[in-house]
């Protein structure tokens, strides 16, 4: 006869002490920690990152704008310096050309003087006349201008007085003879006109039109000049 092991029958539950609930009978699982506890919400983190990126981009944009402003200022300064350089070079080029032309024509002035004297004495004839006129035409095309005429007032800036005298028929220092004509290129005088000048007689009284009119009126009032 076999010995049966004491135990619970099928579908028989163990006894539960009185006063205990069914929850006490079941094993309790460990509570898992809250994953969101102590951490910032996902939306706030994304917003702060976006703000940081905006600040960084704004700073970079300010740097780019500052660099662009500096480069623009440098470019404007270089452009102004280049324009000044071009004007200075052009001015120097014109000056050098004028000086070169003036030096060349200065060497030709004695030849032009000989041509003028030959013309005055009627010796400018034949082939010599044609050559002389061609030379004068070329000199005129290069800007050479002759000046100096008898009877014009003496101007020490363009005249050189070689002879001096007194004359009763002049009211101011006057060029009475042109010994050598003067020449200029534009406003540049390359040789003054060499002239003889005459001044009014010392102590001579110049009768103006107003004085003559007053004298005539006085004569009319007195019945004319005294006779005898």
C-alpha atoms as a PDB file:
ATOM      1  CA  UNK A   1       0.000   0.000   0.000  1.00  0.00           C
ATOM      2  CA  UNK A   2       1.481   3.231  -1.163  1.00  0.00           C
ATOM      3  CA  UNK A   3       1.748   6.248   0.998  1.00  0.00           C
ATOM      4  CA  UNK A   4       0.127   9.404  -0.468  1.00  0.00           C
ATOM      5  CA  UNK A   5       1.861  12.726  -0.171  1.00  0.00           C
ATOM      6  CA  UNK A   6      -0.239  15.325   1.438  1.00  0.00           C
ATOM      7  CA  UNK A   7      -0.850  18.317  -0.889  1.00  0.00           C
ATOM      8  CA  UNK A   8      -3.440  20.458  -2.459  1.00  0.00           C
ATOM      9  CA  UNK A   9      -6.056  19.161  -4.655  1.00  0.00           C
ATOM     10  CA  UNK A  10      -6.493  20.509  -8.172  1.00  0.00           C
ATOM     11  CA  UNK A  11      -8.175  23.827  -8.283  1.00  0.00           C
ATOM     12  CA  UNK A  12      -7.616  24.265  -4.609  1.00  0.00           C
ATOM     13  CA  UNK A  13      -6.012  27.563  -3.608  1.00  0.00           C
ATOM     14  CA  UNK A  14      -3.804  28.069  -0.636  1.00  0.00           C
ATOM     15  CA  UNK A  15      -5.257  29.620   2.362  1.00  0.00           C
ATOM     16  CA  UNK A  16      -4.882  33.326   2.719  1.00  0.00           C
ATOM     17  CA  UNK A  17      -4.586  34.772   6.148  1.00  0.00           C
ATOM     18  CA  UNK A  18      -7.580  36.676   7.222  1.00  0.00           C
ATOM     19  CA  UNK A  19      -7.343  40.426   6.792  1.00  0.00           C
ATOM     20  CA  UNK A  20      -4.992  40.181   3.833  1.00  0.00           C
ATOM     21  CA  UNK A  21      -5.982  41.309   0.364  1.00  0.00           C
ATOM     22  CA  UNK A  22      -5.381  39.583  -2.867  1.00  0.00           C
ATOM     23  CA  UNK A  23      -2.821  42.242  -3.812  1.00  0.00           C
ATOM     24  CA  UNK A  24      -0.687  41.191  -0.886  1.00  0.00           C
ATOM     25  CA  UNK A  25      -0.638  37.719  -2.202  1.00  0.00           C
ATOM     26  CA  UNK A  26       0.642  38.712  -5.614  1.00  0.00           C
ATOM     27  CA  UNK A  27       4.341  39.559  -5.984  1.00  0.00           C
ATOM     28  CA  UNK A  28       5.071  43.221  -6.344  1.00  0.00           C
ATOM     29  CA  UNK A  29       7.184  44.386  -9.239  1.00  0.00           C
ATOM     30  CA  UNK A  30       9.879  47.024  -8.726  1.00  0.00           C
ATOM     31  CA  UNK A  31       8.726  50.442  -9.693  1.00  0.00           C
ATOM     32  CA  UNK A  32      10.669  51.722 -12.712  1.00  0.00           C
ATOM     33  CA  UNK A  33      12.145  55.213 -12.394  1.00  0.00           C
ATOM     34  CA  UNK A  34      10.377  58.041 -14.209  1.00  0.00           C
ATOM     35  CA  UNK A  35      12.372  58.757 -17.345  1.00  0.00           C
ATOM     36  CA  UNK A  36      11.170  62.361 -17.552  1.00  0.00           C
ATOM     37  CA  UNK A  37      11.919  63.240 -13.940  1.00  0.00           C
ATOM     38  CA  UNK A  38      14.506  66.026 -13.607  1.00  0.00           C
ATOM     39  CA  UNK A  39      14.881  66.496 -17.440  1.00  0.00           C
ATOM     40  CA  UNK A  40      13.730  69.504 -19.458  1.00  0.00           C
ATOM     41  CA  UNK A  41      10.885  68.989 -21.880  1.00  0.00           C
ATOM     42  CA  UNK A  42      11.917  68.177 -25.465  1.00  0.00           C
ATOM     43  CA  UNK A  43      10.205  71.304 -26.863  1.00  0.00           C
ATOM     44  CA  UNK A  44      12.125  73.703 -24.584  1.00  0.00           C
ATOM     45  CA  UNK A  45      15.463  72.099 -25.498  1.00  0.00           C
ATOM     46  CA  UNK A  46      14.814  72.457 -29.225  1.00  0.00           C
ATOM     47  CA  UNK A  47      13.772  76.090 -28.785  1.00  0.00           C
ATOM     48  CA  UNK A  48      16.947  76.981 -26.837  1.00  0.00           C
ATOM     49  CA  UNK A  49      19.097  75.311 -29.485  1.00  0.00           C
ATOM     50  CA  UNK A  50      17.350  77.307 -32.204  1.00  0.00           C
ATOM     51  CA  UNK A  51      17.910  80.546 -30.279  1.00  0.00           C
ATOM     52  CA  UNK A  52      21.615  79.760 -29.913  1.00  0.00           C
ATOM     53  CA  UNK A  53      21.873  79.103 -33.643  1.00  0.00           C
ATOM     54  CA  UNK A  54      20.100  82.388 -34.415  1.00  0.00           C
ATOM     55  CA  UNK A  55      22.513  84.319 -32.168  1.00  0.00           C
ATOM     56  CA  UNK A  56      25.495  82.663 -33.836  1.00  0.00           C
ATOM     57  CA  UNK A  57      24.155  83.421 -37.328  1.00  0.00           C
ATOM     58  CA  UNK A  58      23.453  87.035 -36.359  1.00  0.00           C
ATOM     59  CA  UNK A  59      27.017  87.442 -35.086  1.00  0.00           C
ATOM     60  CA  UNK A  60      28.414  85.941 -38.286  1.00  0.00           C
ATOM     61  CA  UNK A  61      26.195  88.226 -40.373  1.00  0.00           C
ATOM     62  CA  UNK A  62      27.446  91.280 -38.467  1.00  0.00           C
ATOM     63  CA  UNK A  63      31.036  90.211 -39.088  1.00  0.00           C
ATOM     64  CA  UNK A  64      30.354  89.761 -42.796  1.00  0.00           C
ATOM     65  CA  UNK A  65      28.689  93.167 -42.996  1.00  0.00           C
ATOM     66  CA  UNK A  66      31.636  94.815 -41.222  1.00  0.00           C
ATOM     67  CA  UNK A  67      34.116  93.115 -43.537  1.00  0.00           C
ATOM     68  CA  UNK A  68      32.059  94.128 -46.584  1.00  0.00           C
ATOM     69  CA  UNK A  69      31.931  97.752 -45.414  1.00  0.00           C
ATOM     70  CA  UNK A  70      35.713  97.798 -44.904  1.00  0.00           C
ATOM     71  CA  UNK A  71      36.371  96.273 -48.339  1.00  0.00           C
ATOM     72  CA  UNK A  72      33.971  98.758 -49.950  1.00  0.00           C
ATOM     73  CA  UNK A  73      35.772 101.667 -48.271  1.00  0.00           C
ATOM     74  CA  UNK A  74      39.128 100.306 -49.439  1.00  0.00           C
ATOM     75  CA  UNK A  75      37.825  99.933 -52.986  1.00  0.00           C
ATOM     76  CA  UNK A  76      36.480 103.489 -53.036  1.00  0.00           C
ATOM     77  CA  UNK A  77      39.780 104.828 -51.739  1.00  0.00           C
ATOM     78  CA  UNK A  78      41.738 102.887 -54.359  1.00  0.00           C
ATOM     79  CA  UNK A  79      39.411 104.117 -57.086  1.00  0.00           C
ATOM     80  CA  UNK A  80      39.856 107.736 -55.974  1.00  0.00           C
ATOM     81  CA  UNK A  81      43.636 107.313 -55.866  1.00  0.00           C
ATOM     82  CA  UNK A  82      43.601 105.793 -59.348  1.00  0.00           C
ATOM     83  CA  UNK A  83      41.538 108.667 -60.740  1.00  0.00           C
ATOM     84  CA  UNK A  84      43.943 111.183 -59.154  1.00  0.00           C
ATOM     85  CA  UNK A  85      46.855 109.244 -60.623  1.00  0.00           C
ATOM     86  CA  UNK A  86      45.315 109.311 -64.084  1.00  0.00           C
ATOM     87  CA  UNK A  87      44.673 113.060 -63.906  1.00  0.00           C
ATOM     88  CA  UNK A  88      48.207 113.677 -62.648  1.00  0.00           C
ATOM     89  CA  UNK A  89      49.716 111.553 -65.426  1.00  0.00           C
ATOM     90  CA  UNK A  90      47.594 113.311 -68.047  1.00  0.00           C
ATOM     91  CA  UNK A  91      48.581 116.724 -66.674  1.00  0.00           C
ATOM     92  CA  UNK A  92      52.253 115.750 -66.631  1.00  0.00           C
ATOM     93  CA  UNK A  93      51.987 114.384 -70.158  1.00  0.00           C
ATOM     94  CA  UNK A  94      50.523 117.661 -71.435  1.00  0.00           C
ATOM     95  CA  UNK A  95      53.170 119.655 -69.568  1.00  0.00           C
ATOM     96  CA  UNK A  96      55.997 117.549 -70.975  1.00  0.00           C
ATOM     97  CA  UNK A  97      54.580 117.937 -74.476  1.00  0.00           C
ATOM     98  CA  UNK A  98      54.309 121.722 -74.104  1.00  0.00           C
ATOM     99  CA  UNK A  99      57.854 121.972 -72.784  1.00  0.00           C
ATOM    100  CA  UNK A 100      59.195 119.824 -75.644  1.00  0.00           C
ATOM    101  CA  UNK A 101      57.350 121.891 -78.269  1.00  0.00           C
ATOM    102  CA  UNK A 102      58.468 125.143 -76.631  1.00  0.00           C
ATOM    103  CA  UNK A 103      62.099 124.004 -76.625  1.00  0.00           C
ATOM    104  CA  UNK A 104      61.912 123.024 -80.291  1.00  0.00           C
ATOM    105  CA  UNK A 105      60.283 126.258 -81.378  1.00  0.00           C
ATOM    106  CA  UNK A 106      62.728 128.302 -79.292  1.00  0.00           C
ATOM    107  CA  UNK A 107      65.516 126.896 -81.452  1.00  0.00           C
ATOM    108  CA  UNK A 108      63.617 127.993 -84.572  1.00  0.00           C
ATOM    109  CA  UNK A 109      63.068 131.593 -83.464  1.00  0.00           C
ATOM    110  CA  UNK A 110      66.333 132.914 -84.979  1.00  0.00           C
ATOM    111  CA  UNK A 111      65.319 131.342 -88.307  1.00  0.00           C
ATOM    112  CA  UNK A 112      61.901 133.000 -88.086  1.00  0.00           C
ATOM    113  CA  UNK A 113      63.609 136.316 -87.313  1.00  0.00           C
ATOM    114  CA  UNK A 114      65.739 135.960 -90.464  1.00  0.00           C
ATOM    115  CA  UNK A 115      62.622 135.187 -92.492  1.00  0.00           C
ATOM    116  CA  UNK A 116      60.938 138.311 -91.111  1.00  0.00           C
ATOM    117  CA  UNK A 117      63.889 140.548 -91.962  1.00  0.00           C
ATOM    118  CA  UNK A 118      64.097 139.077 -95.446  1.00  0.00           C
ATOM    119  CA  UNK A 119      60.386 139.794 -95.951  1.00  0.00           C
ATOM    120  CA  UNK A 120      60.844 143.411 -94.811  1.00  0.00           C
ATOM    121  CA  UNK A 121      63.658 143.950 -97.321  1.00  0.00           C
ATOM    122  CA  UNK A 122      61.826 142.232-100.167  1.00  0.00           C
ATOM    123  CA  UNK A 123      64.262 139.359-100.350  1.00  0.00           C
ATOM    124  CA  UNK A 124      61.706 136.623 -99.692  1.00  0.00           C
ATOM    125  CA  UNK A 125      61.281 135.385-103.280  1.00  0.00           C
ATOM    126  CA  UNK A 126      61.423 132.186-105.279  1.00  0.00           C
ATOM    127  CA  UNK A 127      61.956 128.833-103.632  1.00  0.00           C
ATOM    128  CA  UNK A 128      63.184 130.469-100.434  1.00  0.00           C
ATOM    129  CA  UNK A 129      59.781 132.102-100.053  1.00  0.00           C
ATOM    130  CA  UNK A 130      57.977 128.763-100.402  1.00  0.00           C
ATOM    131  CA  UNK A 131      60.220 127.097 -97.815  1.00  0.00           C
ATOM    132  CA  UNK A 132      59.868 130.034 -95.408  1.00  0.00           C
ATOM    133  CA  UNK A 133      56.101 130.054 -95.650  1.00  0.00           C
ATOM    134  CA  UNK A 134      55.955 126.263 -95.105  1.00  0.00           C
ATOM    135  CA  UNK A 135      58.104 126.632 -91.980  1.00  0.00           C
ATOM    136  CA  UNK A 136      55.880 129.405 -90.627  1.00  0.00           C
ATOM    137  CA  UNK A 137      52.774 127.275 -91.309  1.00  0.00           C
ATOM    138  CA  UNK A 138      54.201 124.298 -89.412  1.00  0.00           C
ATOM    139  CA  UNK A 139      55.179 126.531 -86.479  1.00  0.00           C
ATOM    140  CA  UNK A 140      51.659 127.997 -86.384  1.00  0.00           C
ATOM    141  CA  UNK A 141      50.135 124.482 -86.371  1.00  0.00           C
ATOM    142  CA  UNK A 142      52.276 123.653 -83.347  1.00  0.00           C
ATOM    143  CA  UNK A 143      50.689 126.603 -81.529  1.00  0.00           C
ATOM    144  CA  UNK A 144      53.317 129.309 -82.032  1.00  0.00           C
ATOM    145  CA  UNK A 145      51.816 132.818 -81.993  1.00  0.00           C
ATOM    146  CA  UNK A 146      53.616 136.077 -82.740  1.00  0.00           C
ATOM    147  CA  UNK A 147      52.801 139.253 -80.807  1.00  0.00           C
ATOM    148  CA  UNK A 148      54.031 142.821 -80.462  1.00  0.00           C
ATOM    149  CA  UNK A 149      52.778 145.874 -82.374  1.00  0.00           C
ATOM    150  CA  UNK A 150      53.823 149.489 -82.543  1.00  0.00           C
ATOM    151  CA  UNK A 151      51.658 151.864 -80.533  1.00  0.00           C
ATOM    152  CA  UNK A 152      50.492 149.365 -77.906  1.00  0.00           C
ATOM    153  CA  UNK A 153      51.066 150.163 -74.206  1.00  0.00           C
ATOM    154  CA  UNK A 154      54.264 148.802 -72.717  1.00  0.00           C
ATOM    155  CA  UNK A 155      53.678 145.672 -70.584  1.00  0.00           C
ATOM    156  CA  UNK A 156      56.790 144.450 -68.736  1.00  0.00           C
ATOM    157  CA  UNK A 157      55.338 140.931 -68.509  1.00  0.00           C
ATOM    158  CA  UNK A 158      55.430 140.475 -72.294  1.00  0.00           C
ATOM    159  CA  UNK A 159      57.715 143.276 -73.493  1.00  0.00           C
ATOM    160  CA  UNK A 160      61.458 143.786 -73.082  1.00  0.00           C
ATOM    161  CA  UNK A 161      62.506 147.418 -73.491  1.00  0.00           C
ATOM    162  CA  UNK A 162      65.841 147.772 -75.304  1.00  0.00           C
ATOM    163  CA  UNK A 163      65.589 151.483 -76.092  1.00  0.00           C
ATOM    164  CA  UNK A 164      64.024 154.376 -74.187  1.00  0.00           C
ATOM    165  CA  UNK A 165      63.071 157.905 -75.204  1.00  0.00           C
ATOM    166  CA  UNK A 166      60.581 160.735 -74.563  1.00  0.00           C
ATOM    167  CA  UNK A 167      57.872 161.815 -76.943  1.00  0.00           C
ATOM    168  CA  UNK A 168      55.359 164.680 -76.711  1.00  0.00           C
ATOM    169  CA  UNK A 169      52.583 162.765 -78.464  1.00  0.00           C
ATOM    170  CA  UNK A 170      52.247 159.859 -75.973  1.00  0.00           C
ATOM    171  CA  UNK A 171      50.284 159.863 -72.745  1.00  0.00           C
ATOM    172  CA  UNK A 172      51.815 156.670 -71.275  1.00  0.00           C
ATOM    173  CA  UNK A 173      54.798 154.426 -71.771  1.00  0.00           C
ATOM    174  CA  UNK A 174      54.282 153.142 -75.313  1.00  0.00           C
ATOM    175  CA  UNK A 175      56.011 150.724 -77.654  1.00  0.00           C
ATOM    176  CA  UNK A 176      57.106 152.919 -80.550  1.00  0.00           C
ATOM    177  CA  UNK A 177      59.187 150.319 -82.394  1.00  0.00           C
ATOM    178  CA  UNK A 178      59.276 146.491 -82.468  1.00  0.00           C
ATOM    179  CA  UNK A 179      62.885 145.379 -82.684  1.00  0.00           C
ATOM    180  CA  UNK A 180      62.064 141.666 -82.396  1.00  0.00           C
ATOM    181  CA  UNK A 181      58.547 140.208 -82.225  1.00  0.00           C
ATOM    182  CA  UNK A 182      57.549 138.127 -79.255  1.00  0.00           C
ATOM    183  CA  UNK A 183      56.282 134.555 -79.409  1.00  0.00           C
ATOM    184  CA  UNK A 184      53.979 132.523 -77.194  1.00  0.00           C
ATOM    185  CA  UNK A 185      52.379 129.085 -77.103  1.00  0.00           C
ATOM    186  CA  UNK A 186      48.928 129.402 -75.627  1.00  0.00           C
ATOM    187  CA  UNK A 187      49.427 131.369 -72.411  1.00  0.00           C
ATOM    188  CA  UNK A 188      53.123 130.467 -72.195  1.00  0.00           C
ATOM    189  CA  UNK A 189      55.505 133.196 -73.385  1.00  0.00           C
ATOM    190  CA  UNK A 190      58.649 131.672 -74.870  1.00  0.00           C
ATOM    191  CA  UNK A 191      60.205 135.042 -75.835  1.00  0.00           C
ATOM    192  CA  UNK A 192      59.090 138.577 -74.932  1.00  0.00           C
ATOM    193  CA  UNK A 193      58.780 141.195 -77.628  1.00  0.00           C
ATOM    194  CA  UNK A 194      61.900 143.364 -77.725  1.00  0.00           C
ATOM    195  CA  UNK A 195      60.813 146.957 -78.234  1.00  0.00           C
ATOM    196  CA  UNK A 196      61.781 150.624 -78.080  1.00  0.00           C
ATOM    197  CA  UNK A 197      59.602 152.597 -75.700  1.00  0.00           C
ATOM    198  CA  UNK A 198      58.770 156.267 -75.341  1.00  0.00           C
ATOM    199  CA  UNK A 199      57.425 158.101 -72.304  1.00  0.00           C
ATOM    200  CA  UNK A 200      55.637 161.474 -72.057  1.00  0.00           C
ATOM    201  CA  UNK A 201      57.868 164.558 -71.779  1.00  0.00           C
ATOM    202  CA  UNK A 202      58.722 165.353 -68.137  1.00  0.00           C
ATOM    203  CA  UNK A 203      56.482 168.170 -66.847  1.00  0.00           C
ATOM    204  CA  UNK A 204      54.193 168.033 -69.869  1.00  0.00           C
ATOM    205  CA  UNK A 205      50.519 168.497 -69.050  1.00  0.00           C
ATOM    206  CA  UNK A 206      48.133 166.086 -70.636  1.00  0.00           C
ATOM    207  CA  UNK A 207      44.942 167.773 -71.819  1.00  0.00           C
ATOM    208  CA  UNK A 208      42.002 165.485 -71.423  1.00  0.00           C
ATOM    209  CA  UNK A 209      38.636 165.806 -73.146  1.00  0.00           C
ATOM    210  CA  UNK A 210      37.031 166.990 -69.877  1.00  0.00           C
ATOM    211  CA  UNK A 211      39.626 169.749 -69.482  1.00  0.00           C
ATOM    212  CA  UNK A 212      39.117 170.857 -73.078  1.00  0.00           C
ATOM    213  CA  UNK A 213      35.353 170.984 -72.579  1.00  0.00           C
ATOM    214  CA  UNK A 214      35.711 173.113 -69.446  1.00  0.00           C
ATOM    215  CA  UNK A 215      38.082 175.479 -71.275  1.00  0.00           C
ATOM    216  CA  UNK A 216      35.614 175.864 -74.126  1.00  0.00           C
ATOM    217  CA  UNK A 217      32.777 176.670 -71.708  1.00  0.00           C
ATOM    218  CA  UNK A 218      34.916 179.312 -69.975  1.00  0.00           C
ATOM    219  CA  UNK A 219      35.748 180.972 -73.266  1.00  0.00           C
ATOM    220  CA  UNK A 220      32.063 181.117 -74.191  1.00  0.00           C
ATOM    221  CA  UNK A 221      31.219 182.858 -70.903  1.00  0.00           C
ATOM    222  CA  UNK A 222      33.968 185.504 -71.292  1.00  0.00           C
ATOM    223  CA  UNK A 223      33.270 186.086 -74.931  1.00  0.00           C
ATOM    224  CA  UNK A 224      36.257 184.192 -76.218  1.00  0.00           C
ATOM    225  CA  UNK A 225      39.982 184.509 -75.698  1.00  0.00           C
ATOM    226  CA  UNK A 226      41.524 187.975 -75.317  1.00  0.00           C
ATOM    227  CA  UNK A 227      43.040 189.426 -78.462  1.00  0.00           C
ATOM    228  CA  UNK A 228      46.319 191.329 -78.701  1.00  0.00           C
END
